[in-house]
Amino acid sequence: MNLSKVQLQIVKAPVDIAIQVLASAGAGKTRVLTERIKYILALTKKDGVIAFTFTNKAADEMLMRLSQEENIQERAWITTIHSVAQRILEKYGHTVGLPTDLHIYERDQDKMEIFMQSLREDGIDVDEYLNVTDTKELRNREKALQRYLEIFAHIKRELLTEFEVFELYQNKNVWKIYLDYQDSMIRSGGIDYDDILVYAHRILITHDWIAKIYRAKWLCCTNLSVKAFSAI
């Protein structure tokens, strides 16, 4: 495959150090990543490679390009980052207190119901808050509640700390409301979609023996900058 000098440097970079490649859309990230996987597999007859992306489409494209490689199914785990994280949760979620029969809440309606329940449990009469006859005011109040779900998603996607949340929103209650929501979610037997990466990250960070299991078998290649898997 015809690669530029820079792309070739990426493909043949040392495999025992972490590298990060930043490139714009259409710059050939998937192609370069595929060639790097080939290089790693050719370099060693022992190790395997985890390659993950955000979309199933990109993962399928990589699999297609690698389909002619020998023992590719045994030596390469090519999938989305959420699939990798969910596999970790299925095997080791109990180490961070997740229920065995875990449900993933993806619908906004389900997450809102859990959020409202967490508010009720904290003594906030959210039903009375929404009991208004003015349609415009009702929409405004519903948007205010929805805003909290957006904040929760931001906290999870950026792995924000309590201090960072306070600095960003200048409201000491946001973190407590967030923790109450998380507790209510777990007690309901599930997590939301963003939590898949959050809890996988927590497992790898707090249980190094689990991270070592993945490090022993797989080298890690990504075509995105992923804070959540810095532990692998």
Protein backbone atom coordinates (compact mmCIF):
# COMPACT_ATOMS: atom_id res chain seq x y z
CA MET A 1 0.00 0.00 0.00
CA ASN A 2 1.32 3.44 -0.94
CA LEU A 3 1.98 5.36 2.29
CA SER A 4 3.53 8.75 2.85
CA LYS A 5 6.77 9.08 4.83
CA VAL A 6 4.88 10.23 7.93
CA GLN A 7 2.32 7.44 7.62
CA LEU A 8 5.10 4.88 7.28
CA GLN A 9 6.75 6.22 10.43
CA ILE A 10 3.49 5.65 12.29
CA VAL A 11 3.09 2.12 10.94
CA LYS A 12 6.65 1.17 11.96
CA ALA A 13 6.79 3.03 15.26
CA PRO A 14 8.10 0.98 18.23
CA VAL A 15 5.41 -1.26 19.70
CA ASP A 16 6.66 -1.02 23.29
CA ILE A 17 5.74 2.65 23.75
CA ALA A 18 2.46 4.55 23.56
CA ILE A 19 1.93 6.88 20.60
CA GLN A 20 -0.88 9.26 19.73
CA VAL A 21 -1.64 10.27 16.17
CA LEU A 22 -3.89 13.25 15.48
CA ALA A 23 -5.39 13.54 12.00
CA SER A 24 -8.38 15.19 10.40
CA ALA A 25 -11.29 13.38 8.79
CA GLY A 26 -10.38 11.66 5.55
CA ALA A 27 -6.65 11.69 6.31
CA GLY A 28 -6.38 7.91 6.15
CA LYS A 29 -6.43 6.98 9.85
CA THR A 30 -8.19 3.67 9.27
CA ARG A 31 -5.81 2.72 6.46
CA VAL A 32 -2.72 3.57 8.51
CA LEU A 33 -4.08 1.77 11.55
CA THR A 34 -4.79 -1.33 9.45
CA GLU A 35 -1.23 -1.32 8.13
CA ARG A 36 0.11 -0.91 11.65
CA ILE A 37 -1.83 -3.96 12.78
CA LYS A 38 -0.28 -5.95 9.92
CA TYR A 39 3.15 -4.70 10.94
CA ILE A 40 2.66 -5.69 14.59
CA LEU A 41 1.35 -9.13 13.70
CA ALA A 42 4.27 -9.71 11.32
CA LEU A 43 6.75 -8.49 13.92
CA THR A 44 5.75 -11.09 16.46
CA LYS A 45 4.20 -14.54 16.28
CA LYS A 46 2.94 -14.36 19.84
CA ASP A 47 1.07 -11.15 20.61
CA GLY A 48 -2.44 -10.15 19.58
CA VAL A 49 -3.88 -6.73 18.88
CA ILE A 50 -6.96 -4.94 20.17
CA ALA A 51 -8.07 -2.39 17.58
CA PHE A 52 -11.07 -0.25 18.38
CA THR A 53 -12.98 2.69 17.00
CA PHE A 54 -16.26 4.48 17.69
CA THR A 55 -18.25 3.00 14.81
CA ASN A 56 -19.12 -0.50 13.66
CA LYS A 57 -18.59 0.69 10.09
CA ALA A 58 -14.91 1.47 10.69
CA ALA A 59 -14.42 -1.80 12.57
CA ASP A 60 -15.99 -3.76 9.70
CA GLU A 61 -13.78 -1.94 7.19
CA MET A 62 -10.67 -2.85 9.15
CA LEU A 63 -11.74 -6.48 9.39
CA MET A 64 -12.33 -6.59 5.65
CA ARG A 65 -8.88 -5.15 4.92
CA LEU A 66 -7.28 -7.67 7.26
CA SER A 67 -9.34 -10.67 6.17
CA GLN A 68 -6.46 -12.19 4.18
CA GLU A 69 -4.06 -12.13 7.13
CA GLU A 70 -3.22 -15.49 8.68
CA ASN A 71 -5.10 -16.35 11.90
CA ILE A 72 -6.57 -12.84 12.00
CA GLN A 73 -9.61 -13.90 14.03
CA GLU A 74 -7.41 -15.42 16.75
CA ARG A 75 -4.80 -12.65 16.85
CA ALA A 76 -6.84 -9.47 16.35
CA TRP A 77 -9.84 -8.22 18.32
CA ILE A 78 -11.30 -5.51 16.11
CA THR A 79 -14.43 -3.84 17.41
CA THR A 80 -15.83 -0.61 18.87
CA ILE A 81 -14.53 0.89 22.08
CA HIS A 82 -17.90 0.35 23.75
CA SER A 83 -17.84 -3.35 22.83
CA VAL A 84 -14.40 -3.75 24.40
CA ALA A 85 -15.53 -1.88 27.52
CA GLN A 86 -18.75 -3.87 27.80
CA ARG A 87 -16.79 -7.13 27.61
CA ILE A 88 -14.66 -5.92 30.52
CA LEU A 89 -17.81 -5.07 32.51
CA GLU A 90 -19.33 -8.49 31.83
CA LYS A 91 -16.25 -10.23 33.22
CA TYR A 92 -15.11 -7.87 35.95
CA GLY A 93 -17.98 -5.47 36.69
CA HIS A 94 -18.47 -7.08 40.12
CA THR A 95 -15.09 -5.67 41.20
CA VAL A 96 -16.55 -2.14 41.19
CA GLY A 97 -19.95 -3.07 42.58
CA LEU A 98 -21.93 -3.52 39.36
CA PRO A 99 -24.84 -5.99 39.41
CA THR A 100 -24.26 -9.33 37.70
CA ASP A 101 -27.32 -9.04 35.47
CA LEU A 102 -26.50 -5.56 34.16
CA HIS A 103 -28.99 -3.55 32.11
CA ILE A 104 -27.86 -0.72 29.81
CA TYR A 105 -30.25 2.26 29.77
CA GLU A 106 -30.01 3.98 26.38
CA ARG A 107 -33.35 5.78 26.11
CA ASP A 108 -33.52 9.35 27.42
CA GLN A 109 -36.95 8.55 28.85
CA ASP A 110 -35.53 5.76 31.03
CA LYS A 111 -32.66 7.94 32.26
CA MET A 112 -35.07 10.77 33.07
CA GLU A 113 -37.29 8.45 35.10
CA ILE A 114 -34.30 7.32 37.13
CA PHE A 115 -33.15 10.91 37.60
CA MET A 116 -36.59 11.98 38.82
CA GLN A 117 -36.68 9.04 41.22
CA SER A 118 -33.29 10.06 42.62
CA LEU A 119 -34.66 13.58 43.20
CA ARG A 120 -37.70 12.19 45.00
CA GLU A 121 -35.48 10.06 47.22
CA ASP A 122 -33.50 13.21 48.07
CA GLY A 123 -36.69 14.91 49.25
CA ILE A 124 -37.28 17.05 46.16
CA ASP A 125 -40.92 17.15 45.04
CA VAL A 126 -40.17 17.00 41.33
CA ASP A 127 -43.78 16.04 40.54
CA GLU A 128 -45.02 19.27 42.11
CA TYR A 129 -42.29 21.14 40.22
CA LEU A 130 -43.71 19.84 36.94
CA ASN A 131 -47.35 20.36 37.97
CA VAL A 132 -47.93 23.60 36.07
CA THR A 133 -50.68 24.46 33.62
CA ASP A 134 -48.71 26.94 31.53
CA THR A 135 -47.33 24.98 28.57
CA LYS A 136 -44.36 27.27 28.02
CA GLU A 137 -43.35 27.14 31.67
CA LEU A 138 -43.69 23.34 31.68
CA ARG A 139 -41.35 23.09 28.70
CA ASN A 140 -38.84 25.34 30.44
CA ARG A 141 -38.90 23.17 33.56
CA GLU A 142 -38.56 19.97 31.53
CA LYS A 143 -35.57 21.51 29.74
CA ALA A 144 -34.04 22.37 33.11
CA LEU A 145 -34.25 18.71 34.13
CA GLN A 146 -32.92 17.58 30.76
CA ARG A 147 -29.98 19.94 31.22
CA TYR A 148 -28.90 17.90 34.23
CA LEU A 149 -28.77 14.73 32.11
CA GLU A 150 -26.59 16.59 29.62
CA ILE A 151 -24.29 17.66 32.46
CA PHE A 152 -24.09 14.06 33.72
CA ALA A 153 -23.14 12.89 30.23
CA HIS A 154 -20.42 15.56 30.03
CA ILE A 155 -19.01 14.51 33.40
CA LYS A 156 -18.76 10.92 32.24
CA ARG A 157 -17.38 11.54 28.76
CA GLU A 158 -14.64 13.79 30.12
CA LEU A 159 -14.11 11.77 33.33
CA LEU A 160 -14.42 14.98 35.34
CA THR A 161 -13.54 15.11 39.02
CA GLU A 162 -15.60 16.80 41.74
CA PHE A 163 -13.26 19.79 41.69
CA GLU A 164 -13.47 20.09 37.89
CA VAL A 165 -17.26 19.94 38.01
CA PHE A 166 -17.38 22.74 40.59
CA GLU A 167 -14.92 24.85 38.58
CA LEU A 168 -16.98 24.35 35.45
CA TYR A 169 -20.50 24.86 36.80
CA GLN A 170 -19.81 26.94 39.95
CA ASN A 171 -22.44 24.97 41.83
CA LYS A 172 -21.49 22.63 44.68
CA ASN A 173 -24.83 20.81 44.43
CA VAL A 174 -24.21 19.48 40.90
CA TRP A 175 -21.78 16.80 42.08
CA LYS A 176 -24.13 15.57 44.82
CA ILE A 177 -27.06 15.43 42.38
CA TYR A 178 -24.84 13.52 39.97
CA LEU A 179 -23.80 10.98 42.62
CA ASP A 180 -27.43 10.51 43.70
CA TYR A 181 -28.36 9.83 40.07
CA GLN A 182 -25.55 7.28 39.77
CA ASP A 183 -26.60 5.54 42.98
CA SER A 184 -30.20 5.37 41.82
CA MET A 185 -29.05 3.94 38.48
CA ILE A 186 -27.05 1.16 40.13
CA ARG A 187 -29.88 0.32 42.53
CA SER A 188 -32.19 -0.02 39.53
CA GLY A 189 -29.88 -2.74 38.22
CA GLY A 190 -28.27 -0.87 35.36
CA ILE A 191 -26.05 1.86 33.95
CA ASP A 192 -26.41 4.25 31.04
CA TYR A 193 -24.47 4.12 27.77
CA ASP A 194 -21.79 6.60 28.87
CA ASP A 195 -21.20 4.53 32.02
CA ILE A 196 -19.87 1.65 29.91
CA LEU A 197 -16.59 3.52 29.42
CA VAL A 198 -16.63 5.10 32.88
CA TYR A 199 -16.80 1.79 34.74
CA ALA A 200 -14.40 -0.01 32.39
CA HIS A 201 -11.92 2.80 33.05
CA ARG A 202 -12.46 2.46 36.79
CA ILE A 203 -11.87 -1.28 36.67
CA LEU A 204 -8.58 -0.91 34.78
CA ILE A 205 -7.35 1.95 36.95
CA THR A 206 -8.24 0.48 40.34
CA HIS A 207 -7.48 -3.18 39.59
CA ASP A 208 -4.10 -3.36 37.92
CA TRP A 209 -4.21 -7.17 37.90
CA ILE A 210 -7.11 -6.95 35.42
CA ALA A 211 -5.26 -4.47 33.21
CA LYS A 212 -2.27 -6.84 33.26
CA ILE A 213 -4.44 -9.63 31.86
CA TYR A 214 -5.22 -7.51 28.79
CA ARG A 215 -1.67 -6.21 28.49
CA ALA A 216 -0.32 -9.75 28.54
CA LYS A 217 -2.43 -10.83 25.59
CA TRP A 218 -3.05 -7.74 23.51
CA LEU A 219 -1.30 -4.68 22.14
CA CYS A 220 -3.65 -1.71 21.75
CA CYS A 221 -4.28 0.29 18.56
CA THR A 222 -6.91 3.02 18.21
CA ASN A 223 -7.91 5.56 15.62
CA LEU A 224 -9.23 7.96 18.24
CA SER A 225 -7.91 9.65 21.34
CA VAL A 226 -9.48 7.73 24.20
CA LYS A 227 -8.90 8.85 27.77
CA ALA A 228 -10.85 5.89 29.10
CA PHE A 229 -8.35 3.25 28.03
CA SER A 230 -5.13 4.89 29.14
CA ALA A 231 -4.73 2.04 31.61
CA ILE A 232 -4.31 -0.72 29.03
